[in-house]
Amino acid sequence: MVDFRTYDSGKDVTVHYSEKQGTLEYKTDGGVFARIRLTSPDKNFGEPYDMWYEGSYHIENDNTVVHSVSNSSDPDRIGKDLLRHFSFEENDLIITGKNDRFVFKIIWRKDQNLTN
């Protein structure tokens, strides 16, 4: 993960995390795994954030992917379909979505140690 930002009504919400870690894996068999860990948050946002989920995915159209969650650190996500919009900028995958609190944008960069 390169960056994680949250937005409220289209405006950037100031959330500063000193450490942003994450993994996003799309597997050839249709599986997906995502983990986001944010530490040292700014005092206005609350506690550190550590979440993961796994399941399956399908591409819905040219810029939308659906993650169907089968297992998660957050039981409320299990059985849900999470709609994500995606785009590419140079070597980065930009994923945007929303939850019950905010809209988010995550910038992912492929691990250069991977062959594919």
C-alpha atoms as a PDB file:
ATOM      1  CA  MET A   1       0.000   0.000   0.000  1.00  0.00           C
ATOM      2  CA  VAL A   2       1.323   3.394  -0.980  1.00  0.00           C
ATOM      3  CA  ASP A   3      -1.379   5.645   0.445  1.00  0.00           C
ATOM      4  CA  PHE A   4      -4.734   5.608   2.252  1.00  0.00           C
ATOM      5  CA  ARG A   5      -7.054   8.615   2.279  1.00  0.00           C
ATOM      6  CA  THR A   6     -10.580   9.168   3.494  1.00  0.00           C
ATOM      7  CA  TYR A   7     -13.108  11.674   2.197  1.00  0.00           C
ATOM      8  CA  ASP A   8     -16.322  13.124   3.521  1.00  0.00           C
ATOM      9  CA  SER A   9     -18.693  14.646   0.956  1.00  0.00           C
ATOM     10  CA  GLY A  10     -15.874  14.803  -1.589  1.00  0.00           C
ATOM     11  CA  LYS A  11     -13.451  16.686   0.648  1.00  0.00           C
ATOM     12  CA  ASP A  12     -10.221  15.189   1.899  1.00  0.00           C
ATOM     13  CA  VAL A  13     -10.554  14.300   5.582  1.00  0.00           C
ATOM     14  CA  THR A  14      -7.333  14.974   7.417  1.00  0.00           C
ATOM     15  CA  VAL A  15      -6.255  11.642   8.810  1.00  0.00           C
ATOM     16  CA  HIS A  16      -2.546  11.212   9.344  1.00  0.00           C
ATOM     17  CA  TYR A  17      -1.170   7.746   9.929  1.00  0.00           C
ATOM     18  CA  SER A  18       2.545   7.472  10.429  1.00  0.00           C
ATOM     19  CA  GLU A  19       2.492   3.864   9.226  1.00  0.00           C
ATOM     20  CA  LYS A  20       0.346   2.487   6.424  1.00  0.00           C
ATOM     21  CA  GLN A  21       0.666  -1.185   5.600  1.00  0.00           C
ATOM     22  CA  GLY A  22      -1.460  -3.349   3.416  1.00  0.00           C
ATOM     23  CA  THR A  23      -1.763  -6.290   1.100  1.00  0.00           C
ATOM     24  CA  LEU A  24      -4.168  -6.780  -1.752  1.00  0.00           C
ATOM     25  CA  GLU A  25      -4.040 -10.083  -3.614  1.00  0.00           C
ATOM     26  CA  TYR A  26      -6.125 -11.028  -6.620  1.00  0.00           C
ATOM     27  CA  LYS A  27      -5.655 -14.726  -7.350  1.00  0.00           C
ATOM     28  CA  THR A  28      -6.050 -16.445 -10.709  1.00  0.00           C
ATOM     29  CA  ASP A  29      -8.696 -18.763  -9.227  1.00  0.00           C
ATOM     30  CA  GLY A  30     -10.982 -15.788  -8.474  1.00  0.00           C
ATOM     31  CA  GLY A  31      -9.954 -15.362  -4.843  1.00  0.00           C
ATOM     32  CA  VAL A  32      -9.186 -12.046  -3.184  1.00  0.00           C
ATOM     33  CA  PHE A  33      -7.398 -11.191   0.068  1.00  0.00           C
ATOM     34  CA  ALA A  34      -7.114  -7.684   1.520  1.00  0.00           C
ATOM     35  CA  ARG A  35      -5.456  -6.450   4.706  1.00  0.00           C
ATOM     36  CA  ILE A  36      -5.102  -2.871   5.855  1.00  0.00           C
ATOM     37  CA  ARG A  37      -3.191  -1.806   8.939  1.00  0.00           C
ATOM     38  CA  LEU A  38      -2.962   1.854   9.919  1.00  0.00           C
ATOM     39  CA  THR A  39      -1.117   2.889  13.057  1.00  0.00           C
ATOM     40  CA  SER A  40      -0.400   6.080  14.974  1.00  0.00           C
ATOM     41  CA  PRO A  41      -3.574   7.835  13.921  1.00  0.00           C
ATOM     42  CA  ASP A  42      -4.289  11.466  14.371  1.00  0.00           C
ATOM     43  CA  LYS A  43      -6.171  12.145  17.592  1.00  0.00           C
ATOM     44  CA  ASN A  44      -9.415  13.066  15.818  1.00  0.00           C
ATOM     45  CA  PHE A  45      -9.861   9.721  14.100  1.00  0.00           C
ATOM     46  CA  GLY A  46      -9.569   7.233  16.926  1.00  0.00           C
ATOM     47  CA  GLU A  47      -7.730   4.000  17.424  1.00  0.00           C
ATOM     48  CA  PRO A  48      -5.309   2.251  15.063  1.00  0.00           C
ATOM     49  CA  TYR A  49      -7.087   0.328  12.307  1.00  0.00           C
ATOM     50  CA  ASP A  50      -6.325  -3.312  11.483  1.00  0.00           C
ATOM     51  CA  MET A  51      -8.716  -5.180   9.190  1.00  0.00           C
ATOM     52  CA  TRP A  52      -8.576  -8.094   6.767  1.00  0.00           C
ATOM     53  CA  TYR A  53     -10.975 -10.043   4.611  1.00  0.00           C
ATOM     54  CA  GLU A  54     -10.946 -12.779   2.016  1.00  0.00           C
ATOM     55  CA  GLY A  55     -13.373 -14.167  -0.488  1.00  0.00           C
ATOM     56  CA  SER A  56     -13.916 -14.071  -4.214  1.00  0.00           C
ATOM     57  CA  TYR A  57     -14.029 -11.292  -6.771  1.00  0.00           C
ATOM     58  CA  HIS A  58     -15.453 -10.568 -10.177  1.00  0.00           C
ATOM     59  CA  ILE A  59     -14.969  -7.691 -12.561  1.00  0.00           C
ATOM     60  CA  GLU A  60     -18.312  -5.998 -13.111  1.00  0.00           C
ATOM     61  CA  ASN A  61     -17.275  -3.514 -15.809  1.00  0.00           C
ATOM     62  CA  ASP A  62     -14.259  -1.534 -17.048  1.00  0.00           C
ATOM     63  CA  ASN A  63     -13.713   0.171 -13.701  1.00  0.00           C
ATOM     64  CA  THR A  64     -15.668  -1.804 -11.079  1.00  0.00           C
ATOM     65  CA  VAL A  65     -14.749  -4.929  -9.150  1.00  0.00           C
ATOM     66  CA  VAL A  66     -16.911  -6.690  -6.552  1.00  0.00           C
ATOM     67  CA  HIS A  67     -15.297  -8.382  -3.538  1.00  0.00           C
ATOM     68  CA  SER A  68     -17.624 -11.063  -2.087  1.00  0.00           C
ATOM     69  CA  VAL A  69     -16.485 -11.539   1.513  1.00  0.00           C
ATOM     70  CA  SER A  70     -16.496 -15.065   2.958  1.00  0.00           C
ATOM     71  CA  ASN A  71     -14.243 -14.478   5.990  1.00  0.00           C
ATOM     72  CA  SER A  72     -13.173 -11.304   7.793  1.00  0.00           C
ATOM     73  CA  SER A  73     -11.741  -9.836  10.966  1.00  0.00           C
ATOM     74  CA  ASP A  74     -14.968  -7.793  10.991  1.00  0.00           C
ATOM     75  CA  PRO A  75     -17.936 -10.201  11.250  1.00  0.00           C
ATOM     76  CA  ASP A  76     -20.268  -7.545   9.779  1.00  0.00           C
ATOM     77  CA  ARG A  77     -18.465  -7.851   6.415  1.00  0.00           C
ATOM     78  CA  ILE A  78     -19.003 -11.621   6.066  1.00  0.00           C
ATOM     79  CA  GLY A  79     -21.511 -12.388   3.334  1.00  0.00           C
ATOM     80  CA  LYS A  80     -21.362  -8.844   1.927  1.00  0.00           C
ATOM     81  CA  ASP A  81     -20.479  -7.746  -1.590  1.00  0.00           C
ATOM     82  CA  LEU A  82     -18.101  -4.786  -1.483  1.00  0.00           C
ATOM     83  CA  LEU A  83     -18.231  -2.604  -4.586  1.00  0.00           C
ATOM     84  CA  ARG A  84     -14.867  -1.098  -5.506  1.00  0.00           C
ATOM     85  CA  HIS A  85     -13.981   1.237  -8.354  1.00  0.00           C
ATOM     86  CA  PHE A  86     -10.523   0.958  -9.826  1.00  0.00           C
ATOM     87  CA  SER A  87      -8.172   2.766 -12.157  1.00  0.00           C
ATOM     88  CA  PHE A  88      -4.507   2.601 -13.028  1.00  0.00           C
ATOM     89  CA  GLU A  89      -1.944   5.392 -12.865  1.00  0.00           C
ATOM     90  CA  GLU A  90       1.500   4.361 -14.064  1.00  0.00           C
ATOM     91  CA  ASN A  91       2.484   1.442 -11.768  1.00  0.00           C
ATOM     92  CA  ASP A  92      -0.295   2.032  -9.246  1.00  0.00           C
ATOM     93  CA  LEU A  93      -3.736   0.507  -8.794  1.00  0.00           C
ATOM     94  CA  ILE A  94      -6.171   3.048  -7.360  1.00  0.00           C
ATOM     95  CA  ILE A  95      -9.114   1.535  -5.462  1.00  0.00           C
ATOM     96  CA  THR A  96     -11.986   3.672  -4.190  1.00  0.00           C
ATOM     97  CA  GLY A  97     -15.029   2.635  -2.220  1.00  0.00           C
ATOM     98  CA  LYS A  98     -17.145   3.576   0.744  1.00  0.00           C
ATOM     99  CA  ASN A  99     -18.224   2.199   4.071  1.00  0.00           C
ATOM    100  CA  ASP A 100     -20.645   3.409   6.714  1.00  0.00           C
ATOM    101  CA  ARG A 101     -18.276   6.186   7.865  1.00  0.00           C
ATOM    102  CA  PHE A 102     -16.504   7.591   4.823  1.00  0.00           C
ATOM    103  CA  VAL A 103     -15.393   7.279   1.223  1.00  0.00           C
ATOM    104  CA  PHE A 104     -11.834   6.034   0.830  1.00  0.00           C
ATOM    105  CA  LYS A 105      -9.078   5.928  -1.735  1.00  0.00           C
ATOM    106  CA  ILE A 106      -6.246   3.421  -1.496  1.00  0.00           C
ATOM    107  CA  ILE A 107      -3.219   3.439  -3.744  1.00  0.00           C
ATOM    108  CA  TRP A 108      -1.605   0.036  -4.213  1.00  0.00           C
ATOM    109  CA  ARG A 109       1.717  -0.678  -5.922  1.00  0.00           C
ATOM    110  CA  LYS A 110       2.748  -4.103  -7.180  1.00  0.00           C
ATOM    111  CA  ASP A 111       5.538  -5.751  -5.231  1.00  0.00           C
ATOM    112  CA  GLN A 112       8.498  -5.580  -7.621  1.00  0.00           C
ATOM    113  CA  ASN A 113       9.756  -8.923  -6.242  1.00  0.00           C
ATOM    114  CA  LEU A 114       6.768 -10.699  -7.813  1.00  0.00           C
ATOM    115  CA  THR A 115       7.161 -12.145 -11.279  1.00  0.00           C
ATOM    116  CA  ASN A 116       3.567 -11.557 -12.466  1.00  0.00           C
END
